[in-house]
């Protein structure tokens, strides 16, 4: 099965990517690297069946990528990491979390 993980370079996303690859799935991690770290995918990059795409899940490139790669499943983990004090831009965050 081909699985996409948005937020795939984040802490949770990268662990999910590793697990899915170990289970024999083809996995594409999608992340804009605004809070995720490419280094989190070091293990995945060494395995067959892995792809990485640096892009914004709200941008136009994701539609083109979907047409080319045709994922069977998408796990949406993209989001921003916030510090104490609340969400600085709740409308933008809702677009990413719900719209992405």
PDB file of N, CA and C in Angstrom:
ATOM      1  N   UNK A   1       0.850  -1.169   0.000  1.00  0.00           N
ATOM      2  CA  UNK A   1       0.000   0.000   0.000  1.00  0.00           C
ATOM      3  C   UNK A   1       0.901   1.238   0.000  1.00  0.00           C
ATOM      4  N   UNK A   2       0.506   2.273  -0.722  1.00  0.00           N
ATOM      5  CA  UNK A   2       1.241   3.537  -0.739  1.00  0.00           C
ATOM      6  C   UNK A   2       0.581   4.487   0.264  1.00  0.00           C
ATOM      7  N   UNK A   3       1.366   4.937   1.249  1.00  0.00           N
ATOM      8  CA  UNK A   3       0.862   5.786   2.325  1.00  0.00           C
ATOM      9  C   UNK A   3       1.581   7.130   2.296  1.00  0.00           C
ATOM     10  N   UNK A   4       0.815   8.195   2.406  1.00  0.00           N
ATOM     11  CA  UNK A   4       1.378   9.534   2.585  1.00  0.00           C
ATOM     12  C   UNK A   4       1.223   9.923   4.039  1.00  0.00           C
ATOM     13  N   UNK A   5       2.274  10.529   4.605  1.00  0.00           N
ATOM     14  CA  UNK A   5       2.214  11.050   5.964  1.00  0.00           C
ATOM     15  C   UNK A   5       2.549  12.539   5.893  1.00  0.00           C
ATOM     16  N   UNK A   6       1.538  13.392   6.071  1.00  0.00           N
ATOM     17  CA  UNK A   6       1.813  14.829   6.141  1.00  0.00           C
ATOM     18  C   UNK A   6       2.377  15.108   7.526  1.00  0.00           C
ATOM     19  N   UNK A   7       3.300  16.027   7.601  1.00  0.00           N
ATOM     20  CA  UNK A   7       4.005  16.249   8.859  1.00  0.00           C
ATOM     21  C   UNK A   7       4.967  15.098   9.142  1.00  0.00           C
ATOM     22  N   UNK A   8       5.418  14.444   8.084  1.00  0.00           N
ATOM     23  CA  UNK A   8       6.232  13.242   8.218  1.00  0.00           C
ATOM     24  C   UNK A   8       7.605  13.451   8.817  1.00  0.00           C
ATOM     25  N   UNK A   9       8.098  14.685   8.864  1.00  0.00           N
ATOM     26  CA  UNK A   9       9.406  14.952   9.467  1.00  0.00           C
ATOM     27  C   UNK A   9       9.289  15.388  10.926  1.00  0.00           C
ATOM     28  N   UNK A  10       8.078  15.409  11.438  1.00  0.00           N
ATOM     29  CA  UNK A  10       7.878  15.735  12.848  1.00  0.00           C
ATOM     30  C   UNK A  10       8.158  14.526  13.731  1.00  0.00           C
ATOM     31  N   UNK A  11       8.088  14.706  15.019  1.00  0.00           N
ATOM     32  CA  UNK A  11       8.396  13.625  15.965  1.00  0.00           C
ATOM     33  C   UNK A  11       7.464  12.432  15.768  1.00  0.00           C
ATOM     34  N   UNK A  12       6.172  12.675  15.808  1.00  0.00           N
ATOM     35  CA  UNK A  12       5.205  11.579  15.660  1.00  0.00           C
ATOM     36  C   UNK A  12       5.207  11.059  14.226  1.00  0.00           C
ATOM     37  N   UNK A  13       5.182  11.969  13.262  1.00  0.00           N
ATOM     38  CA  UNK A  13       5.146  11.567  11.863  1.00  0.00           C
ATOM     39  C   UNK A  13       6.322  10.701  11.457  1.00  0.00           C
ATOM     40  N   UNK A  14       7.525  11.057  11.901  1.00  0.00           N
ATOM     41  CA  UNK A  14       8.712  10.286  11.524  1.00  0.00           C
ATOM     42  C   UNK A  14       8.686   8.886  12.121  1.00  0.00           C
ATOM     43  N   UNK A  15       8.160   8.757  13.324  1.00  0.00           N
ATOM     44  CA  UNK A  15       8.038   7.425  13.925  1.00  0.00           C
ATOM     45  C   UNK A  15       7.006   6.577  13.176  1.00  0.00           C
ATOM     46  N   UNK A  16       5.919   7.207  12.753  1.00  0.00           N
ATOM     47  CA  UNK A  16       4.920   6.485  11.965  1.00  0.00           C
ATOM     48  C   UNK A  16       5.515   6.053  10.621  1.00  0.00           C
ATOM     49  N   UNK A  17       6.259   6.939   9.980  1.00  0.00           N
ATOM     50  CA  UNK A  17       6.915   6.607   8.711  1.00  0.00           C
ATOM     51  C   UNK A  17       7.800   5.373   8.892  1.00  0.00           C
ATOM     52  N   UNK A  18       8.619   5.368   9.938  1.00  0.00           N
ATOM     53  CA  UNK A  18       9.505   4.220  10.202  1.00  0.00           C
ATOM     54  C   UNK A  18       8.712   2.931  10.358  1.00  0.00           C
ATOM     55  N   UNK A  19       7.636   2.996  11.111  1.00  0.00           N
ATOM     56  CA  UNK A  19       6.822   1.805  11.357  1.00  0.00           C
ATOM     57  C   UNK A  19       6.168   1.287  10.079  1.00  0.00           C
ATOM     58  N   UNK A  20       5.612   2.190   9.301  1.00  0.00           N
ATOM     59  CA  UNK A  20       4.964   1.794   8.053  1.00  0.00           C
ATOM     60  C   UNK A  20       5.960   1.156   7.083  1.00  0.00           C
ATOM     61  N   UNK A  21       7.158   1.709   7.010  1.00  0.00           N
ATOM     62  CA  UNK A  21       8.189   1.126   6.151  1.00  0.00           C
ATOM     63  C   UNK A  21       8.579  -0.268   6.642  1.00  0.00           C
ATOM     64  N   UNK A  22       8.730  -0.419   7.951  1.00  0.00           N
ATOM     65  CA  UNK A  22       9.058  -1.744   8.515  1.00  0.00           C
ATOM     66  C   UNK A  22       7.958  -2.755   8.220  1.00  0.00           C
ATOM     67  N   UNK A  23       6.718  -2.279   8.124  1.00  0.00           N
ATOM     68  CA  UNK A  23       5.588  -3.168   7.830  1.00  0.00           C
ATOM     69  C   UNK A  23       5.449  -3.446   6.330  1.00  0.00           C
ATOM     70  N   UNK A  24       6.353  -2.897   5.523  1.00  0.00           N
ATOM     71  CA  UNK A  24       6.378  -3.209   4.106  1.00  0.00           C
ATOM     72  C   UNK A  24       5.624  -2.272   3.180  1.00  0.00           C
ATOM     73  N   UNK A  25       5.182  -1.127   3.688  1.00  0.00           N
ATOM     74  CA  UNK A  25       4.448  -0.172   2.869  1.00  0.00           C
ATOM     75  C   UNK A  25       5.413   0.775   2.147  1.00  0.00           C
ATOM     76  N   UNK A  26       4.955   1.324   1.026  1.00  0.00           N
ATOM     77  CA  UNK A  26       5.676   2.424   0.378  1.00  0.00           C
ATOM     78  C   UNK A  26       5.170   3.698   1.052  1.00  0.00           C
ATOM     79  N   UNK A  27       6.086   4.543   1.471  1.00  0.00           N
ATOM     80  CA  UNK A  27       5.708   5.708   2.272  1.00  0.00           C
ATOM     81  C   UNK A  27       6.334   6.974   1.706  1.00  0.00           C
ATOM     82  N   UNK A  28       5.501   8.007   1.569  1.00  0.00           N
ATOM     83  CA  UNK A  28       5.975   9.339   1.211  1.00  0.00           C
ATOM     84  C   UNK A  28       5.704  10.252   2.394  1.00  0.00           C
ATOM     85  N   UNK A  29       6.756  10.912   2.877  1.00  0.00           N
ATOM     86  CA  UNK A  29       6.609  11.913   3.931  1.00  0.00           C
ATOM     87  C   UNK A  29       6.512  13.271   3.265  1.00  0.00           C
ATOM     88  N   UNK A  30       5.494  14.031   3.630  1.00  0.00           N
ATOM     89  CA  UNK A  30       5.304  15.382   3.110  1.00  0.00           C
ATOM     90  C   UNK A  30       5.449  16.336   4.277  1.00  0.00           C
ATOM     91  N   UNK A  31       6.320  17.326   4.144  1.00  0.00           N
ATOM     92  CA  UNK A  31       6.564  18.249   5.246  1.00  0.00           C
ATOM     93  C   UNK A  31       7.193  19.518   4.684  1.00  0.00           C
ATOM     94  N   UNK A  32       6.794  20.667   5.201  1.00  0.00           N
ATOM     95  CA  UNK A  32       7.424  21.910   4.751  1.00  0.00           C
ATOM     96  C   UNK A  32       8.660  22.254   5.589  1.00  0.00           C
ATOM     97  N   UNK A  33       8.940  21.433   6.585  1.00  0.00           N
ATOM     98  CA  UNK A  33      10.099  21.579   7.474  1.00  0.00           C
ATOM     99  C   UNK A  33      10.076  22.867   8.285  1.00  0.00           C
ATOM    100  N   UNK A  34       8.887  23.438   8.482  1.00  0.00           N
ATOM    101  CA  UNK A  34       8.799  24.635   9.324  1.00  0.00           C
ATOM    102  C   UNK A  34       8.965  24.278  10.795  1.00  0.00           C
ATOM    103  N   UNK A  35       8.493  23.106  11.190  1.00  0.00           N
ATOM    104  CA  UNK A  35       8.715  22.638  12.570  1.00  0.00           C
ATOM    105  C   UNK A  35       9.308  21.240  12.597  1.00  0.00           C
ATOM    106  N   UNK A  36       9.102  20.461  11.541  1.00  0.00           N
ATOM    107  CA  UNK A  36       9.695  19.130  11.453  1.00  0.00           C
ATOM    108  C   UNK A  36      11.166  19.229  11.092  1.00  0.00           C
ATOM    109  N   UNK A  37      11.878  18.128  11.294  1.00  0.00           N
ATOM    110  CA  UNK A  37      13.319  18.114  11.012  1.00  0.00           C
ATOM    111  C   UNK A  37      13.636  16.972  10.058  1.00  0.00           C
ATOM    112  N   UNK A  38      14.353  17.286   8.988  1.00  0.00           N
ATOM    113  CA  UNK A  38      14.747  16.281   8.012  1.00  0.00           C
ATOM    114  C   UNK A  38      15.567  15.178   8.676  1.00  0.00           C
ATOM    115  N   UNK A  39      16.318  15.541   9.703  1.00  0.00           N
ATOM    116  CA  UNK A  39      17.138  14.566  10.435  1.00  0.00           C
ATOM    117  C   UNK A  39      16.280  13.480  11.077  1.00  0.00           C
ATOM    118  N   UNK A  40      15.026  13.768  11.387  1.00  0.00           N
ATOM    119  CA  UNK A  40      14.136  12.763  11.978  1.00  0.00           C
ATOM    120  C   UNK A  40      13.874  11.603  11.025  1.00  0.00           C
ATOM    121  N   UNK A  41      14.156  11.803   9.741  1.00  0.00           N
ATOM    122  CA  UNK A  41      13.888  10.781   8.734  1.00  0.00           C
ATOM    123  C   UNK A  41      15.150  10.028   8.308  1.00  0.00           C
ATOM    124  N   UNK A  42      16.202  10.131   9.065  1.00  0.00           N
ATOM    125  CA  UNK A  42      17.475   9.496   8.697  1.00  0.00           C
ATOM    126  C   UNK A  42      17.314   7.991   8.494  1.00  0.00           C
ATOM    127  N   UNK A  43      16.625   7.324   9.373  1.00  0.00           N
ATOM    128  CA  UNK A  43      16.416   5.887   9.241  1.00  0.00           C
ATOM    129  C   UNK A  43      15.568   5.542   8.037  1.00  0.00           C
ATOM    130  N   UNK A  44      14.533   6.303   7.803  1.00  0.00           N
ATOM    131  CA  UNK A  44      13.622   6.055   6.679  1.00  0.00           C
ATOM    132  C   UNK A  44      14.327   6.254   5.345  1.00  0.00           C
ATOM    133  N   UNK A  45      15.195   7.260   5.284  1.00  0.00           N
ATOM    134  CA  UNK A  45      15.888   7.561   4.017  1.00  0.00           C
ATOM    135  C   UNK A  45      16.780   6.411   3.572  1.00  0.00           C
ATOM    136  N   UNK A  46      17.161   5.559   4.495  1.00  0.00           N
ATOM    137  CA  UNK A  46      18.024   4.423   4.161  1.00  0.00           C
ATOM    138  C   UNK A  46      17.226   3.212   3.673  1.00  0.00           C
ATOM    139  N   UNK A  47      15.908   3.285   3.718  1.00  0.00           N
ATOM    140  CA  UNK A  47      15.074   2.135   3.367  1.00  0.00           C
ATOM    141  C   UNK A  47      14.430   2.291   1.992  1.00  0.00           C
ATOM    142  N   UNK A  48      14.253   1.168   1.326  1.00  0.00           N
ATOM    143  CA  UNK A  48      13.554   1.165   0.036  1.00  0.00           C
ATOM    144  C   UNK A  48      12.089   1.498   0.258  1.00  0.00           C
ATOM    145  N   UNK A  49      11.482   2.150  -0.699  1.00  0.00           N
ATOM    146  CA  UNK A  49      10.059   2.456  -0.616  1.00  0.00           C
ATOM    147  C   UNK A  49       9.747   3.779   0.040  1.00  0.00           C
ATOM    148  N   UNK A  50      10.785   4.575   0.338  1.00  0.00           N
ATOM    149  CA  UNK A  50      10.569   5.858   1.006  1.00  0.00           C
ATOM    150  C   UNK A  50      10.778   7.017   0.039  1.00  0.00           C
ATOM    151  N   UNK A  51       9.914   8.028   0.157  1.00  0.00           N
ATOM    152  CA  UNK A  51      10.075   9.266  -0.597  1.00  0.00           C
ATOM    153  C   UNK A  51       9.799  10.451   0.299  1.00  0.00           C
ATOM    154  N   UNK A  52      10.475  11.551   0.037  1.00  0.00           N
ATOM    155  CA  UNK A  52      10.262  12.774   0.819  1.00  0.00           C
ATOM    156  C   UNK A  52       9.934  13.916  -0.131  1.00  0.00           C
ATOM    157  N   UNK A  53       8.955  14.733   0.266  1.00  0.00           N
ATOM    158  CA  UNK A  53       8.538  15.877  -0.533  1.00  0.00           C
ATOM    159  C   UNK A  53       8.414  17.080   0.393  1.00  0.00           C
ATOM    160  N   UNK A  54       9.266  18.081   0.174  1.00  0.00           N
ATOM    161  CA  UNK A  54       9.186  19.296   0.975  1.00  0.00           C
ATOM    162  C   UNK A  54       8.192  20.238   0.316  1.00  0.00           C
ATOM    163  N   UNK A  55       7.020  20.351   0.933  1.00  0.00           N
ATOM    164  CA  UNK A  55       5.979  21.228   0.400  1.00  0.00           C
ATOM    165  C   UNK A  55       4.958  21.559   1.477  1.00  0.00           C
ATOM    166  N   UNK A  56       4.191  22.599   1.199  1.00  0.00           N
ATOM    167  CA  UNK A  56       3.109  23.041   2.070  1.00  0.00           C
ATOM    168  C   UNK A  56       1.853  22.268   1.674  1.00  0.00           C
ATOM    169  N   UNK A  57       1.219  21.601   2.623  1.00  0.00           N
ATOM    170  CA  UNK A  57       0.039  20.797   2.292  1.00  0.00           C
ATOM    171  C   UNK A  57      -1.139  21.648   1.807  1.00  0.00           C
ATOM    172  N   UNK A  58      -1.089  22.952   2.008  1.00  0.00           N
ATOM    173  CA  UNK A  58      -2.137  23.833   1.509  1.00  0.00           C
ATOM    174  C   UNK A  58      -1.782  24.435   0.153  1.00  0.00           C
ATOM    175  N   UNK A  59      -0.590  24.160  -0.341  1.00  0.00           N
ATOM    176  CA  UNK A  59      -0.150  24.721  -1.612  1.00  0.00           C
ATOM    177  C   UNK A  59      -0.643  23.915  -2.807  1.00  0.00           C
ATOM    178  N   UNK A  60      -0.488  24.474  -4.003  1.00  0.00           N
ATOM    179  CA  UNK A  60      -0.978  23.821  -5.216  1.00  0.00           C
ATOM    180  C   UNK A  60      -0.187  22.575  -5.610  1.00  0.00           C
ATOM    181  N   UNK A  61       1.061  22.457  -5.157  1.00  0.00           N
ATOM    182  CA  UNK A  61       1.897  21.324  -5.556  1.00  0.00           C
ATOM    183  C   UNK A  61       1.375  19.978  -5.063  1.00  0.00           C
ATOM    184  N   UNK A  62       0.607  19.987  -3.998  1.00  0.00           N
ATOM    185  CA  UNK A  62       0.134  18.713  -3.449  1.00  0.00           C
ATOM    186  C   UNK A  62      -0.845  18.021  -4.404  1.00  0.00           C
ATOM    187  N   UNK A  63      -1.638  18.775  -5.118  1.00  0.00           N
ATOM    188  CA  UNK A  63      -2.573  18.172  -6.084  1.00  0.00           C
ATOM    189  C   UNK A  63      -1.827  17.506  -7.229  1.00  0.00           C
ATOM    190  N   UNK A  64      -0.798  18.160  -7.721  1.00  0.00           N
ATOM    191  CA  UNK A  64       0.009  17.594  -8.798  1.00  0.00           C
ATOM    192  C   UNK A  64       0.718  16.326  -8.335  1.00  0.00           C
ATOM    193  N   UNK A  65       1.218  16.364  -7.115  1.00  0.00           N
ATOM    194  CA  UNK A  65       1.899  15.202  -6.554  1.00  0.00           C
ATOM    195  C   UNK A  65       0.933  14.035  -6.383  1.00  0.00           C
ATOM    196  N   UNK A  66      -0.280  14.329  -5.947  1.00  0.00           N
ATOM    197  CA  UNK A  66      -1.292  13.280  -5.766  1.00  0.00           C
ATOM    198  C   UNK A  66      -1.659  12.630  -7.097  1.00  0.00           C
ATOM    199  N   UNK A  67      -1.738  13.422  -8.149  1.00  0.00           N
ATOM    200  CA  UNK A  67      -2.037  12.868  -9.472  1.00  0.00           C
ATOM    201  C   UNK A  67      -0.932  11.925  -9.935  1.00  0.00           C
ATOM    202  N   UNK A  68       0.310  12.270  -9.623  1.00  0.00           N
ATOM    203  CA  UNK A  68       1.449  11.449 -10.044  1.00  0.00           C
ATOM    204  C   UNK A  68       1.617  10.189  -9.219  1.00  0.00           C
ATOM    205  N   UNK A  69       1.446  10.306  -7.894  1.00  0.00           N
ATOM    206  CA  UNK A  69       1.776   9.202  -6.992  1.00  0.00           C
ATOM    207  C   UNK A  69       0.581   8.369  -6.542  1.00  0.00           C
ATOM    208  N   UNK A  70      -0.607   8.895  -6.607  1.00  0.00           N
ATOM    209  CA  UNK A  70      -1.825   8.158  -6.263  1.00  0.00           C
ATOM    210  C   UNK A  70      -1.723   7.392  -4.942  1.00  0.00           C
ATOM    211  N   UNK A  71      -1.688   8.094  -3.812  1.00  0.00           N
ATOM    212  CA  UNK A  71      -1.618   7.383  -2.532  1.00  0.00           C
ATOM    213  C   UNK A  71      -2.900   6.603  -2.246  1.00  0.00           C
ATOM    214  N   UNK A  72      -2.748   5.481  -1.568  1.00  0.00           N
ATOM    215  CA  UNK A  72      -3.905   4.706  -1.137  1.00  0.00           C
ATOM    216  C   UNK A  72      -4.487   5.264   0.157  1.00  0.00           C
ATOM    217  N   UNK A  73      -3.604   5.774   1.004  1.00  0.00           N
ATOM    218  CA  UNK A  73      -3.995   6.275   2.329  1.00  0.00           C
ATOM    219  C   UNK A  73      -3.184   7.528   2.624  1.00  0.00           C
ATOM    220  N   UNK A  74      -3.815   8.485   3.288  1.00  0.00           N
ATOM    221  CA  UNK A  74      -3.090   9.665   3.763  1.00  0.00           C
ATOM    222  C   UNK A  74      -3.340   9.800   5.259  1.00  0.00           C
ATOM    223  N   UNK A  75      -2.254   9.942   6.009  1.00  0.00           N
ATOM    224  CA  UNK A  75      -2.347  10.203   7.443  1.00  0.00           C
ATOM    225  C   UNK A  75      -1.931  11.658   7.625  1.00  0.00           C
ATOM    226  N   UNK A  76      -2.856  12.477   8.093  1.00  0.00           N
ATOM    227  CA  UNK A  76      -2.628  13.925   8.184  1.00  0.00           C
ATOM    228  C   UNK A  76      -2.169  14.294   9.590  1.00  0.00           C
ATOM    229  N   UNK A  77      -0.860  14.535   9.713  1.00  0.00           N
ATOM    230  CA  UNK A  77      -0.280  14.934  10.995  1.00  0.00           C
ATOM    231  C   UNK A  77       0.353  16.321  10.931  1.00  0.00           C
ATOM    232  N   UNK A  78       0.207  17.004   9.801  1.00  0.00           N
ATOM    233  CA  UNK A  78       0.812  18.331   9.661  1.00  0.00           C
ATOM    234  C   UNK A  78       0.146  19.301  10.629  1.00  0.00           C
ATOM    235  N   UNK A  79       0.947  20.117  11.236  1.00  0.00           N
ATOM    236  CA  UNK A  79       0.461  21.130  12.166  1.00  0.00           C
ATOM    237  C   UNK A  79       1.645  21.930  12.659  1.00  0.00           C
ATOM    238  N   UNK A  80       1.363  22.901  13.442  1.00  0.00           N
ATOM    239  CA  UNK A  80       2.437  23.738  13.981  1.00  0.00           C
ATOM    240  C   UNK A  80       2.625  23.448  15.461  1.00  0.00           C
ATOM    241  N   UNK A  81       3.824  23.661  15.912  1.00  0.00           N
ATOM    242  CA  UNK A  81       4.141  23.514  17.323  1.00  0.00           C
ATOM    243  C   UNK A  81       4.008  24.880  17.977  1.00  0.00           C
ATOM    244  N   UNK A  82       3.275  24.938  19.071  1.00  0.00           N
ATOM    245  CA  UNK A  82       3.050  26.222  19.729  1.00  0.00           C
ATOM    246  C   UNK A  82       3.703  26.244  21.106  1.00  0.00           C
ATOM    247  N   UNK A  83       4.048  27.442  21.482  1.00  0.00           N
ATOM    248  CA  UNK A  83       4.599  27.665  22.816  1.00  0.00           C
ATOM    249  C   UNK A  83       3.448  28.062  23.742  1.00  0.00           C
ATOM    250  N   UNK A  84       3.692  28.022  25.035  1.00  0.00           N
ATOM    251  CA  UNK A  84       2.640  28.440  25.968  1.00  0.00           C
ATOM    252  C   UNK A  84       2.140  29.842  25.629  1.00  0.00           C
ATOM    253  N   UNK A  85       0.855  30.042  25.787  1.00  0.00           N
ATOM    254  CA  UNK A  85       0.278  31.338  25.520  1.00  0.00           C
ATOM    255  C   UNK A  85      -0.783  31.306  24.443  1.00  0.00           C
ATOM    256  N   UNK A  86      -1.013  30.137  23.863  1.00  0.00           N
ATOM    257  CA  UNK A  86      -2.098  30.030  22.896  1.00  0.00           C
ATOM    258  C   UNK A  86      -1.649  29.967  21.455  1.00  0.00           C
ATOM    259  N   UNK A  87      -2.644  29.962  20.593  1.00  0.00           N
ATOM    260  CA  UNK A  87      -2.437  29.862  19.156  1.00  0.00           C
ATOM    261  C   UNK A  87      -2.351  31.279  18.597  1.00  0.00           C
ATOM    262  N   UNK A  88      -1.229  31.655  17.979  1.00  0.00           N
ATOM    263  CA  UNK A  88      -1.081  33.034  17.516  1.00  0.00           C
ATOM    264  C   UNK A  88      -2.020  33.404  16.369  1.00  0.00           C
ATOM    265  N   UNK A  89      -2.372  32.455  15.527  1.00  0.00           N
ATOM    266  CA  UNK A  89      -3.252  32.730  14.393  1.00  0.00           C
ATOM    267  C   UNK A  89      -4.213  31.553  14.226  1.00  0.00           C
ATOM    268  N   UNK A  90      -5.319  31.545  14.983  1.00  0.00           N
ATOM    269  CA  UNK A  90      -6.219  30.396  14.964  1.00  0.00           C
ATOM    270  C   UNK A  90      -6.861  30.115  13.596  1.00  0.00           C
ATOM    271  N   UNK A  91      -7.110  31.134  12.800  1.00  0.00           N
ATOM    272  CA  UNK A  91      -7.711  30.918  11.484  1.00  0.00           C
ATOM    273  C   UNK A  91      -6.723  30.174  10.574  1.00  0.00           C
ATOM    274  N   UNK A  92      -5.493  30.596  10.576  1.00  0.00           N
ATOM    275  CA  UNK A  92      -4.473  29.924   9.783  1.00  0.00           C
ATOM    276  C   UNK A  92      -4.274  28.489  10.245  1.00  0.00           C
ATOM    277  N   UNK A  93      -4.278  28.296  11.543  1.00  0.00           N
ATOM    278  CA  UNK A  93      -4.101  26.933  12.068  1.00  0.00           C
ATOM    279  C   UNK A  93      -5.271  26.030  11.699  1.00  0.00           C
ATOM    280  N   UNK A  94      -6.485  26.555  11.709  1.00  0.00           N
ATOM    281  CA  UNK A  94      -7.652  25.769  11.316  1.00  0.00           C
ATOM    282  C   UNK A  94      -7.567  25.399   9.827  1.00  0.00           C
ATOM    283  N   UNK A  95      -7.094  26.321   8.993  1.00  0.00           N
ATOM    284  CA  UNK A  95      -6.926  26.007   7.563  1.00  0.00           C
ATOM    285  C   UNK A  95      -5.970  24.839   7.388  1.00  0.00           C
ATOM    286  N   UNK A  96      -4.862  24.828   8.132  1.00  0.00           N
ATOM    287  CA  UNK A  96      -3.881  23.767   8.016  1.00  0.00           C
ATOM    288  C   UNK A  96      -4.424  22.459   8.570  1.00  0.00           C
ATOM    289  N   UNK A  97      -5.000  22.495   9.749  1.00  0.00           N
ATOM    290  CA  UNK A  97      -5.445  21.280  10.411  1.00  0.00           C
ATOM    291  C   UNK A  97      -6.662  20.658   9.731  1.00  0.00           C
ATOM    292  N   UNK A  98      -7.626  21.467   9.380  1.00  0.00           N
ATOM    293  CA  UNK A  98      -8.853  20.960   8.775  1.00  0.00           C
ATOM    294  C   UNK A  98      -8.746  20.920   7.247  1.00  0.00           C
ATOM    295  N   UNK A  99      -8.283  22.006   6.657  1.00  0.00           N
ATOM    296  CA  UNK A  99      -8.196  22.101   5.217  1.00  0.00           C
ATOM    297  C   UNK A  99      -7.100  21.256   4.602  1.00  0.00           C
ATOM    298  N   UNK A 100      -6.006  21.084   5.347  1.00  0.00           N
ATOM    299  CA  UNK A 100      -4.886  20.287   4.835  1.00  0.00           C
ATOM    300  C   UNK A 100      -5.265  18.855   4.695  1.00  0.00           C
TER     301      UNK A 100
END
